[in-house]
Structures are given as structure tokens and as C-alpha cells.
């Protein structure tokens, strides 16, 4: 949700890092955001769960990538 809400507000994600335990927004806002980005008209709980797990996996890979780090990231802005 932290990434998706910032992306929706067109914020720069290059310098943002997920902080576990940080609570942002309400449960209702989070669910609405997930449903919007899930791209399904009426997603089931399983579809939302799979979407969030896949997105979380991809974002963790991105955060750990040397190409997206603050050291090398300046050379690959927006990567």
C-alpha cells in the first residue's frame, strides 16, 4: 500500500523505501487502492491476496537490486 498510494499521487519512488510496521491510511483506503491496481472489476479475496503477494515479492527484489540502490540508482533514475 505504501508504494501504490505514493505511485497514485505521482510521487517519486526512487528514494522511497518500505518501512515495516508503518501504518498509513485506513483499512478501507488500503483495500480500495489494492482493488484499483488489481485491475479486476470484482476481485475475489484470493485474487487480491495473490496480487499483493506477487507485488510484494517484486518490490522486495527491486529494493534489494543494486540497480535500484541509492549508490547506483542515480545513474538509472526511474529504473
N, C-alpha and C. Protein backbone atom coordinates (compact mmCIF):
# COMPACT_ATOMS: atom_id res chain seq x y z
N UNK A 1 0.82 -1.20 0.00
CA UNK A 1 0.00 0.00 0.00
C UNK A 1 0.87 1.26 0.00
N UNK A 2 1.99 1.21 0.74
CA UNK A 2 2.85 2.40 0.80
C UNK A 2 3.35 2.79 -0.60
N UNK A 3 3.76 1.82 -1.39
CA UNK A 3 4.21 2.10 -2.74
C UNK A 3 3.06 2.53 -3.64
N UNK A 4 1.97 1.78 -3.62
CA UNK A 4 0.85 2.08 -4.52
C UNK A 4 0.24 3.45 -4.26
N UNK A 5 0.09 3.82 -3.00
CA UNK A 5 -0.51 5.12 -2.69
C UNK A 5 0.40 6.25 -3.15
N UNK A 6 1.71 6.09 -3.00
CA UNK A 6 2.64 7.12 -3.49
C UNK A 6 2.65 7.17 -5.02
N UNK A 7 2.60 6.01 -5.64
CA UNK A 7 2.56 5.96 -7.11
C UNK A 7 1.30 6.66 -7.62
N UNK A 8 0.19 6.43 -6.97
CA UNK A 8 -1.08 7.04 -7.36
C UNK A 8 -1.02 8.57 -7.24
N UNK A 9 -0.28 9.06 -6.24
CA UNK A 9 -0.13 10.51 -6.04
C UNK A 9 1.00 11.08 -6.90
N UNK A 10 1.59 10.23 -7.76
CA UNK A 10 2.66 10.62 -8.68
C UNK A 10 3.91 11.11 -7.94
N UNK A 11 4.20 10.50 -6.79
CA UNK A 11 5.41 10.83 -6.04
C UNK A 11 6.59 10.05 -6.61
N UNK A 12 7.78 10.57 -6.42
CA UNK A 12 9.00 9.91 -6.87
C UNK A 12 9.29 8.72 -5.95
N UNK A 13 9.30 7.53 -6.53
CA UNK A 13 9.53 6.31 -5.75
C UNK A 13 11.00 5.91 -5.69
N UNK A 14 11.87 6.62 -6.42
CA UNK A 14 13.28 6.26 -6.44
C UNK A 14 13.94 6.34 -5.07
N UNK A 15 13.49 7.26 -4.23
CA UNK A 15 14.11 7.43 -2.93
C UNK A 15 13.26 6.88 -1.78
N UNK A 16 12.16 6.27 -2.12
CA UNK A 16 11.28 5.72 -1.08
C UNK A 16 11.67 4.28 -0.77
N UNK A 17 11.68 3.95 0.50
CA UNK A 17 11.92 2.58 0.95
C UNK A 17 10.82 2.19 1.91
N UNK A 18 10.29 1.02 1.71
CA UNK A 18 9.23 0.49 2.58
C UNK A 18 9.73 0.39 4.01
N UNK A 19 8.89 0.80 4.95
CA UNK A 19 9.20 0.69 6.37
C UNK A 19 8.17 -0.24 7.00
N UNK A 20 8.60 -1.46 7.39
CA UNK A 20 7.65 -2.40 8.02
C UNK A 20 7.08 -1.80 9.30
N UNK A 21 5.83 -2.03 9.51
CA UNK A 21 5.18 -1.56 10.73
C UNK A 21 4.63 -0.14 10.64
N UNK A 22 5.01 0.60 9.61
CA UNK A 22 4.48 1.95 9.44
C UNK A 22 3.04 1.83 8.98
N UNK A 23 2.15 2.48 9.69
CA UNK A 23 0.73 2.43 9.33
C UNK A 23 0.37 3.72 8.61
N UNK A 24 -0.14 3.55 7.41
CA UNK A 24 -0.58 4.70 6.61
C UNK A 24 -1.98 4.42 6.11
N UNK A 25 -2.83 5.41 6.18
CA UNK A 25 -4.19 5.25 5.68
C UNK A 25 -5.01 4.32 6.55
N UNK A 26 -6.23 4.12 6.11
CA UNK A 26 -7.15 3.24 6.82
C UNK A 26 -7.26 1.92 6.07
N UNK A 27 -7.89 0.96 6.71
CA UNK A 27 -8.11 -0.33 6.05
C UNK A 27 -8.94 -0.16 4.79
N UNK A 28 -9.92 0.73 4.85
CA UNK A 28 -10.80 0.99 3.72
C UNK A 28 -10.02 1.60 2.55
N UNK A 29 -9.14 2.56 2.85
CA UNK A 29 -8.32 3.19 1.80
C UNK A 29 -7.36 2.17 1.18
N UNK A 30 -6.78 1.32 2.01
CA UNK A 30 -5.86 0.30 1.53
C UNK A 30 -6.57 -0.67 0.60
N UNK A 31 -7.71 -1.15 1.01
CA UNK A 31 -8.47 -2.09 0.20
C UNK A 31 -8.90 -1.46 -1.13
N UNK A 32 -9.34 -0.21 -1.09
CA UNK A 32 -9.75 0.48 -2.31
C UNK A 32 -8.55 0.64 -3.26
N UNK A 33 -7.39 0.96 -2.72
CA UNK A 33 -6.19 1.12 -3.53
C UNK A 33 -5.78 -0.21 -4.16
N UNK A 34 -5.79 -1.27 -3.39
CA UNK A 34 -5.45 -2.59 -3.91
C UNK A 34 -6.42 -3.02 -5.01
N UNK A 35 -7.70 -2.77 -4.80
CA UNK A 35 -8.70 -3.15 -5.80
C UNK A 35 -8.52 -2.34 -7.08
N UNK A 36 -8.13 -1.09 -6.96
CA UNK A 36 -7.91 -0.25 -8.13
C UNK A 36 -6.74 -0.78 -8.97
N UNK A 37 -5.65 -1.13 -8.32
CA UNK A 37 -4.46 -1.57 -9.04
C UNK A 37 -4.50 -3.04 -9.42
N UNK A 38 -5.40 -3.80 -8.85
CA UNK A 38 -5.54 -5.22 -9.16
C UNK A 38 -6.05 -5.42 -10.58
N UNK A 39 -6.74 -4.44 -11.13
CA UNK A 39 -7.26 -4.47 -12.50
C UNK A 39 -8.34 -5.52 -12.72
N UNK A 40 -9.04 -5.89 -11.70
CA UNK A 40 -10.18 -6.80 -11.82
C UNK A 40 -11.43 -6.02 -11.42
N UNK A 41 -12.52 -6.24 -12.11
CA UNK A 41 -13.73 -5.48 -11.82
C UNK A 41 -14.34 -5.86 -10.47
N UNK A 42 -14.26 -7.13 -10.12
CA UNK A 42 -14.81 -7.59 -8.85
C UNK A 42 -13.91 -8.71 -8.32
N UNK A 43 -12.70 -8.36 -7.82
CA UNK A 43 -11.74 -9.40 -7.44
C UNK A 43 -12.19 -10.18 -6.20
N UNK A 44 -11.85 -11.45 -6.21
CA UNK A 44 -12.10 -12.27 -5.02
C UNK A 44 -10.98 -12.01 -4.02
N UNK A 45 -11.18 -12.50 -2.81
CA UNK A 45 -10.15 -12.35 -1.78
C UNK A 45 -8.86 -13.07 -2.23
N UNK A 46 -8.99 -14.20 -2.88
CA UNK A 46 -7.83 -14.96 -3.37
C UNK A 46 -7.08 -14.16 -4.43
N UNK A 47 -7.80 -13.51 -5.33
CA UNK A 47 -7.15 -12.70 -6.37
C UNK A 47 -6.40 -11.52 -5.75
N UNK A 48 -7.00 -10.86 -4.77
CA UNK A 48 -6.32 -9.76 -4.09
C UNK A 48 -5.10 -10.26 -3.33
N UNK A 49 -5.24 -11.41 -2.69
CA UNK A 49 -4.12 -11.99 -1.96
C UNK A 49 -2.96 -12.34 -2.89
N UNK A 50 -3.27 -12.97 -4.01
CA UNK A 50 -2.23 -13.31 -4.99
C UNK A 50 -1.57 -12.05 -5.56
N UNK A 51 -2.37 -11.03 -5.84
CA UNK A 51 -1.84 -9.77 -6.36
C UNK A 51 -0.87 -9.14 -5.37
N UNK A 52 -1.26 -9.07 -4.10
CA UNK A 52 -0.40 -8.44 -3.10
C UNK A 52 0.86 -9.26 -2.84
N UNK A 53 0.75 -10.57 -2.85
CA UNK A 53 1.95 -11.41 -2.65
C UNK A 53 2.93 -11.24 -3.81
N UNK A 54 2.42 -11.24 -5.03
CA UNK A 54 3.28 -11.07 -6.20
C UNK A 54 3.92 -9.68 -6.19
N UNK A 55 3.12 -8.65 -5.92
CA UNK A 55 3.64 -7.29 -5.87
C UNK A 55 4.70 -7.16 -4.78
N UNK A 56 4.44 -7.71 -3.62
CA UNK A 56 5.39 -7.66 -2.51
C UNK A 56 6.70 -8.35 -2.88
N UNK A 57 6.61 -9.51 -3.54
CA UNK A 57 7.80 -10.25 -3.99
C UNK A 57 8.62 -9.39 -4.95
N UNK A 58 7.95 -8.77 -5.92
CA UNK A 58 8.64 -7.94 -6.90
C UNK A 58 9.27 -6.71 -6.27
N UNK A 59 8.57 -6.09 -5.34
CA UNK A 59 9.10 -4.89 -4.69
C UNK A 59 10.31 -5.22 -3.80
N UNK A 60 10.28 -6.36 -3.13
CA UNK A 60 11.44 -6.78 -2.34
C UNK A 60 12.65 -7.00 -3.24
N UNK A 61 12.44 -7.63 -4.39
CA UNK A 61 13.53 -7.84 -5.34
C UNK A 61 14.08 -6.49 -5.82
N UNK A 62 13.19 -5.57 -6.09
CA UNK A 62 13.60 -4.25 -6.54
C UNK A 62 14.41 -3.52 -5.46
N UNK A 63 13.94 -3.54 -4.22
CA UNK A 63 14.64 -2.88 -3.12
C UNK A 63 16.04 -3.45 -2.91
N UNK A 64 16.20 -4.75 -3.17
CA UNK A 64 17.49 -5.40 -2.95
C UNK A 64 18.39 -5.36 -4.18
N UNK A 65 17.90 -4.84 -5.27
CA UNK A 65 18.67 -4.79 -6.51
C UNK A 65 19.72 -3.68 -6.44
N UNK A 66 20.92 -3.98 -6.89
CA UNK A 66 21.98 -2.97 -6.92
C UNK A 66 21.62 -1.84 -7.87
N UNK A 67 20.85 -2.12 -8.90
CA UNK A 67 20.47 -1.10 -9.87
C UNK A 67 19.48 -0.09 -9.30
N UNK A 68 18.80 -0.45 -8.22
CA UNK A 68 17.84 0.45 -7.60
C UNK A 68 18.36 1.03 -6.29
N UNK A 69 19.59 0.74 -5.94
CA UNK A 69 20.16 1.26 -4.70
C UNK A 69 20.45 2.75 -4.81
N UNK A 70 20.64 3.41 -3.69
CA UNK A 70 20.93 4.83 -3.70
C UNK A 70 22.31 5.12 -4.27
N UNK A 71 23.23 4.15 -4.18
CA UNK A 71 24.58 4.34 -4.70
C UNK A 71 24.58 4.34 -6.22
N UNK A 72 24.00 3.31 -6.82
CA UNK A 72 23.99 3.16 -8.28
C UNK A 72 22.73 3.77 -8.88
N UNK A 73 21.69 3.90 -8.07
CA UNK A 73 20.39 4.35 -8.56
C UNK A 73 20.38 5.68 -9.28
N UNK A 74 21.30 6.58 -8.92
CA UNK A 74 21.36 7.88 -9.59
C UNK A 74 21.66 7.76 -11.07
N UNK A 75 22.38 6.73 -11.42
CA UNK A 75 22.71 6.50 -12.82
C UNK A 75 21.54 5.89 -13.61
N UNK A 76 20.61 5.29 -12.88
CA UNK A 76 19.47 4.62 -13.51
C UNK A 76 18.16 5.20 -13.00
N UNK A 77 18.03 6.49 -13.01
CA UNK A 77 16.84 7.16 -12.48
C UNK A 77 15.57 6.60 -13.13
N UNK A 78 14.62 6.24 -12.28
CA UNK A 78 13.34 5.71 -12.75
C UNK A 78 13.36 4.24 -13.12
N UNK A 79 14.50 3.59 -12.98
CA UNK A 79 14.63 2.18 -13.35
C UNK A 79 13.76 1.35 -12.48
